[in-house]
Protein backbone atom coordinates (compact mmCIF):
# COMPACT_ATOMS: atom_id res chain seq x y z
CA PHE A 1 28.96 151.57 68.97
CA LEU A 2 26.57 152.57 71.74
CA ASP A 3 24.59 149.32 71.53
CA THR A 4 27.81 147.36 72.02
CA TYR A 5 28.75 149.40 75.09
CA TYR A 6 25.23 149.08 76.53
CA GLU A 7 25.49 145.31 76.20
CA GLU A 8 28.97 145.19 77.76
CA ARG A 9 27.95 147.65 80.49
CA ARG A 10 30.74 150.11 79.77
CA ASP A 11 30.51 153.86 80.38
CA VAL A 12 30.36 156.18 77.37
CA TYR A 13 31.39 159.85 77.54
CA GLU A 14 31.60 162.51 74.87
CA GLN A 15 34.18 165.27 74.60
CA VAL A 16 33.68 167.70 71.74
CA LEU A 17 37.04 169.20 70.71
CA ASN A 18 37.51 172.92 70.03
CA LEU A 19 39.51 172.44 66.85
CA THR A 20 39.60 174.83 63.90
CA PRO A 21 38.50 173.52 60.47
CA GLU A 22 42.19 173.37 59.46
CA GLU A 23 43.08 171.32 62.55
CA LYS A 24 40.15 168.98 61.96
CA GLN A 25 41.29 168.42 58.38
CA LYS A 26 44.85 167.81 59.51
CA LEU A 27 43.63 165.28 62.09
CA PHE A 28 41.48 163.55 59.49
CA ASP A 29 44.35 163.37 56.98
CA SER A 30 46.67 162.01 59.65
CA LEU A 31 44.19 159.26 60.58
CA ILE A 32 43.83 158.27 56.93
CA GLU A 33 47.62 158.09 56.63
CA ASN A 34 47.82 156.03 59.82
CA TYR A 35 45.23 153.56 58.47
CA LYS A 36 47.27 152.66 55.40
CA PRO A 37 48.40 148.99 55.39
CA GLU A 38 52.04 149.94 55.84
CA ASN A 39 51.23 152.12 58.90
CA ARG A 40 48.35 150.41 60.69
CA TYR A 41 50.45 147.73 62.46
CA TYR A 42 52.88 148.49 65.27
CA ARG A 43 54.49 146.76 68.23
CA TYR A 44 52.18 147.36 71.15
CA ASN A 45 53.67 148.76 74.35
CA HIS A 46 51.47 148.74 77.45
CA PHE A 47 52.76 152.03 78.77
CA LEU A 48 54.44 154.06 76.05
CA ASP A 49 52.63 153.21 72.82
CA ASN A 50 49.09 151.91 73.10
CA CYS A 51 45.56 152.75 71.95
CA ALA A 52 45.33 155.71 74.37
CA THR A 53 48.76 157.30 73.86
CA ARG A 54 48.29 157.19 70.09
CA ILE A 55 45.14 159.29 70.42
CA ARG A 56 47.08 161.87 72.43
CA ASP A 57 49.87 161.89 69.84
CA GLN A 58 47.39 162.47 67.00
CA PHE A 59 45.84 165.44 68.84
CA GLU A 60 49.24 167.00 69.49
CA LYS A 61 50.22 166.49 65.86
CA ALA A 62 46.99 168.03 64.53
CA THR A 63 47.40 171.13 66.72
CA ASP A 64 51.11 171.64 65.84
CA GLY A 65 52.15 171.28 69.47
CA LYS A 66 49.87 174.11 70.65
CA MET A 67 48.31 172.00 73.39
CA ALA A 68 49.09 172.97 76.98
CA TYR A 69 48.36 170.56 79.84
CA ASP A 70 47.46 171.39 83.40
CA THR A 71 50.39 169.63 85.10
CA SER A 72 49.45 171.02 88.52
CA ILE A 73 47.17 167.99 88.99
CA ASN A 74 50.02 165.53 88.46
CA GLN A 75 50.57 162.88 91.16
CA PRO A 76 53.76 160.82 91.57
CA LEU A 77 52.32 157.37 90.82
CA SER A 78 53.95 154.25 89.44
CA PHE A 79 52.50 152.26 86.55
CA ARG A 80 51.67 149.48 89.02
CA GLN A 81 49.75 151.81 91.33
CA MET A 82 47.68 153.08 88.42
CA ILE A 83 46.95 149.57 87.14
CA HIS A 84 46.09 148.42 90.67
CA ALA A 85 43.45 151.16 90.96
CA ALA A 86 41.97 150.24 87.57
CA LEU A 87 41.64 146.49 88.24
CA PRO A 88 39.39 144.65 90.70
CA ASP A 89 41.67 143.37 93.45
CA ASN A 90 39.91 140.10 94.26
CA SER A 91 39.27 138.81 90.74
CA TRP A 92 41.17 136.21 88.76
CA SER A 93 41.85 138.62 85.90
CA GLY A 94 43.17 141.30 88.27
CA PHE A 95 45.22 138.78 90.26
CA GLY A 96 46.73 137.29 87.11
CA ILE A 97 47.66 140.63 85.58
CA LYS A 98 49.25 141.88 88.79
CA LEU A 99 51.34 138.72 89.11
CA ALA A 100 52.50 139.00 85.50
CA LEU A 101 53.81 142.58 85.84
CA GLY A 102 57.51 142.90 86.61
CA VAL A 103 59.95 145.49 87.94
CA PRO A 104 59.40 148.00 85.06
CA CYS A 105 55.88 148.63 86.39
CA ASP A 106 57.21 150.11 89.63
CA ARG A 107 58.84 153.07 87.88
CA LYS A 108 57.23 156.45 88.60
CA THR A 109 55.35 157.88 85.64
CA THR A 110 55.68 161.29 84.04
CA PHE A 111 52.59 163.41 83.39
CA ALA A 112 52.42 162.33 79.73
CA GLU A 113 52.97 158.65 80.54
CA LYS A 114 49.86 158.55 82.73
CA MET A 115 47.75 158.90 79.60
CA PHE A 116 48.34 155.24 78.78
CA LEU A 117 45.13 154.70 80.77
CA PRO A 118 42.00 156.05 78.99
CA ALA A 119 40.63 157.54 82.22
CA TYR A 120 43.74 159.75 82.57
CA LEU A 121 43.63 160.62 78.86
CA GLN A 122 40.03 161.77 79.28
CA LYS A 123 40.83 163.83 82.38
CA ASP A 124 43.93 165.46 80.92
CA MET A 125 42.20 166.31 77.64
CA ALA A 126 39.36 167.92 79.63
CA SER A 127 41.81 170.22 81.46
CA ALA A 128 44.09 170.94 78.47
CA SER A 129 44.20 174.25 76.62
CA LEU A 130 45.02 175.36 73.09
CA LEU A 131 47.35 178.32 72.58
CA ARG A 132 45.69 180.68 70.10
CA SER A 133 46.81 184.07 68.84
CA ASP A 134 44.14 185.70 71.00
CA GLY A 135 44.95 183.63 74.11
CA LYS A 136 44.13 180.21 75.55
CA VAL A 137 40.94 178.28 74.80
CA PRO A 138 39.83 174.94 76.33
CA PHE A 139 40.86 171.99 74.20
CA SER A 140 37.51 170.28 74.78
CA GLN A 141 34.02 171.33 75.73
CA PRO A 142 32.46 170.13 79.02
CA LEU A 143 32.21 166.35 79.36
CA GLN A 144 28.87 164.80 78.45
CA THR A 145 27.76 161.43 79.83
CA LEU A 146 26.03 159.39 77.13
CA TYR A 147 25.73 156.19 79.16
CA LYS A 148 26.55 155.36 82.77
CA ALA A 149 26.81 151.63 83.35
CA PRO A 150 25.46 150.10 86.57
CA SER A 151 28.07 149.25 89.16
CA LEU A 152 29.42 145.72 89.10
CA SER A 153 28.44 143.66 92.12
CA GLN A 154 31.23 142.78 94.55
CA ASP A 155 29.47 139.84 96.16
CA PHE A 156 31.38 137.39 98.31
CA SER A 157 32.55 134.40 96.29
CA LEU A 158 34.07 131.11 97.42
CA THR A 159 35.92 130.94 94.10
CA SER A 160 37.66 134.32 94.46
CA PRO A 161 41.49 134.30 94.48
CA ALA A 162 41.72 135.33 98.14
CA ILE A 163 39.49 132.49 99.34
CA VAL A 164 41.05 129.87 97.06
CA MET A 165 44.66 130.79 97.95
CA MET A 166 43.99 130.95 101.69
CA LEU A 167 42.18 127.59 101.58
CA PHE A 168 45.10 126.17 99.59
CA PHE A 169 47.49 127.27 102.34
CA LEU A 170 45.29 126.03 105.21
CA ILE A 171 44.68 122.63 103.61
CA THR A 172 48.41 122.23 102.94
CA LEU A 173 49.15 123.20 106.55
CA ILE A 174 46.62 120.69 107.94
CA LEU A 175 47.90 117.88 105.70
CA THR A 176 51.51 118.66 106.63
CA ILE A 177 50.65 118.47 110.33
CA ARG A 178 48.84 115.20 109.64
CA GLU A 179 52.00 113.85 107.97
CA TYR A 180 54.00 114.46 111.16
CA GLN A 181 51.31 112.76 113.24
CA LEU A 182 51.21 109.68 111.01
CA LYS A 183 54.96 109.76 110.28
CA LYS A 184 54.03 109.22 106.66
CA ARG A 185 54.84 111.32 103.61
CA PHE A 186 52.01 112.39 101.28
CA LEU A 187 53.85 112.21 97.99
CA TRP A 188 50.75 113.17 96.05
CA LEU A 189 50.58 116.45 97.98
CA ASP A 190 54.16 117.33 97.05
CA PHE A 191 53.37 116.49 93.43
CA PHE A 192 50.30 118.73 93.37
CA VAL A 193 52.03 121.68 95.06
CA TYR A 194 55.20 121.55 92.97
CA LEU A 195 53.23 120.98 89.76
CA SER A 196 50.90 123.92 90.46
CA PHE A 197 53.74 126.30 91.26
CA GLY A 198 55.76 124.96 88.34
CA ILE A 199 52.98 125.68 85.84
CA GLY A 200 52.68 129.20 87.24
CA GLY A 201 56.46 129.60 86.97
CA LEU A 202 56.46 128.45 83.35
CA ILE A 203 53.82 131.06 82.46
CA LEU A 204 55.66 133.83 84.31
CA GLY A 205 58.97 132.72 82.81
CA PHE A 206 57.54 132.84 79.30
CA LEU A 207 56.20 136.36 79.86
CA CYS A 208 59.45 137.49 81.48
CA PHE A 209 62.10 136.03 79.17
CA TYR A 210 60.40 135.24 75.86
CA SER A 211 57.51 137.69 75.47
CA LYS A 212 58.20 141.08 73.88
CA LEU A 213 55.97 142.81 76.46
CA GLU A 214 58.17 145.20 78.43
CA ALA A 215 55.74 145.31 81.36
CA THR A 216 56.28 141.62 82.17
CA GLY A 217 60.08 141.71 82.21
CA TRP A 218 62.26 141.21 85.31
CA ASN A 219 59.45 139.59 87.29
CA LEU A 220 60.67 138.78 90.81
CA ASN A 221 57.65 136.52 91.41
CA LEU A 222 59.88 133.92 89.79
CA LEU A 223 61.74 133.73 93.11
CA TRP A 224 58.87 131.74 94.64
CA ALA A 225 57.32 130.32 91.45
CA LEU A 226 60.35 128.71 89.85
CA PRO A 227 59.70 126.91 86.53
CA THR A 228 61.97 124.08 87.76
CA HIS A 229 59.21 123.08 90.20
CA PHE A 230 57.37 121.58 87.22
CA ILE A 231 60.25 119.17 86.52
CA TYR A 232 60.77 118.31 90.19
CA ALA A 233 57.08 117.34 90.53
CA PHE A 234 57.66 114.41 88.17
CA VAL A 235 61.09 113.60 89.62
CA LEU A 236 59.27 112.71 92.86
CA PHE A 237 58.06 109.50 91.19
CA MET A 238 61.53 108.52 89.97
CA PRO A 239 63.36 106.96 92.98
CA SER A 240 66.84 107.13 91.47
CA LEU A 241 66.54 110.79 90.50
CA LYS A 242 64.63 111.77 93.64
CA ASP A 243 67.50 110.62 95.88
CA LYS A 244 70.05 112.53 93.79
CA LEU A 245 67.96 115.71 93.97
CA ASN A 246 67.17 115.63 97.69
CA TRP A 247 69.05 118.94 97.94
CA TYR A 248 66.43 120.71 95.81
CA PRO A 249 63.79 121.26 98.54
CA LYS A 250 66.50 122.54 100.89
CA ILE A 251 67.66 125.15 98.36
CA ILE A 252 64.05 126.21 97.76
CA THR A 253 63.56 126.59 101.52
CA TYR A 254 66.49 129.01 101.77
CA ILE A 255 65.30 130.97 98.71
CA LEU A 256 61.77 131.30 100.09
CA LEU A 257 62.97 132.38 103.54
CA ALA A 258 65.23 135.02 101.98
CA PHE A 259 62.37 136.18 99.74
CA LEU A 260 59.82 136.51 102.56
CA VAL A 261 62.28 138.45 104.71
CA SER A 262 63.33 140.84 101.94
CA MET A 263 60.21 141.13 99.76
CA PHE A 264 59.26 144.56 101.15
CA PHE A 265 62.70 145.93 100.26
CA LEU A 266 62.87 144.56 96.71
CA PRO A 267 62.35 146.91 93.71
CA GLN A 268 59.02 145.24 92.89
CA THR A 269 55.69 145.53 94.70
CA PHE A 270 53.98 142.17 95.22
CA HIS A 271 50.33 141.18 95.44
CA TRP A 272 49.49 140.35 99.07
CA LEU A 273 48.43 136.80 98.10
CA VAL A 274 52.08 136.10 97.27
CA ILE A 275 52.66 135.70 101.04
CA PRO A 276 50.28 132.72 101.60
CA LEU A 277 51.47 131.22 98.31
CA SER A 278 55.12 131.44 99.40
CA LEU A 279 54.25 130.00 102.81
CA THR A 280 52.49 127.09 101.11
CA MET A 281 55.59 126.22 99.13
CA LEU A 282 57.75 126.77 102.22
CA LEU A 283 55.64 124.26 104.15
CA ARG A 284 56.35 121.56 101.59
CA SER A 285 59.98 122.38 100.80
CA ALA A 286 60.96 122.66 104.47
CA GLY A 287 58.79 119.74 105.51
CA ILE A 288 60.04 117.20 102.97
CA SER A 289 63.43 116.69 104.59
CA SER A 290 61.95 116.49 108.09
CA ILE A 291 59.29 113.96 107.08
CA VAL A 292 61.85 111.84 105.24
CA ARG A 293 64.14 111.80 108.31
CA ILE A 294 61.25 110.79 110.56
CA ILE A 295 60.24 107.98 108.20
CA GLU A 296 63.82 106.71 107.87
CA LYS A 297 64.32 106.81 111.65
CA ARG A 298 61.10 104.85 112.10
CA LYS A 299 62.30 102.21 109.65
CA VAL A 300 65.58 101.82 111.56
CA LEU A 301 63.75 101.41 114.84
């Protein structure tokens, strides 16, 4: 176990529990029962039933509900705020996870619900007490550090989400300005933008409507990353359909404007990179009609 954590550079702490022999036996028996084939599988829930909350539940069961928590240290945090603090902000994994989380993540947590994160489970177990006949005793002995991993480097990277998304916006802006100067539409640019946003929308849509993960439900990022963008990207190369769907970019423009104006009042907190992403799509959706009019006017002249 330790060798694996050394290799993965993950911290290892030890908390020795002040359990009686009877409580230890009860905990052991409960774990054996839980490991039976008919009990070992369960539907995972990010917040309410995961690998950390199940440890807490086993401790409470083994001690017959005699555990008392120090709730004075409780802070009113949402699930999203806790996840945000636990994930690197400018990494692709952190960016992807934060985009995938929907409205349910913005609900404020109770004291017990915070233990879905192992760090909170560790802290709350360290401050918990056991109610004995002769008074309270600490649930665990002082924390021991068995291995402290070196800090991960936060070096500047040209491939980080912040740099990539800002460059994406700036390049789209420059090319859109160039279109107006040349009075020529870059169809390939529209295809790339709509296809990229459409693929993102399909992934978010799957997580929101099809996946059983509660945390990814009701995701308002779908307001700017519509799955229908994927279809429209290919419609651009079908003249007959493209003319019939010339209203689509206009509708998207209105949706994006309404989203950008109201995003800070919506019941979901958004990653800050959603702003340049929305502006990128707004550039293309609002610019398509204008470029087309300029080109058509030029043809008439």
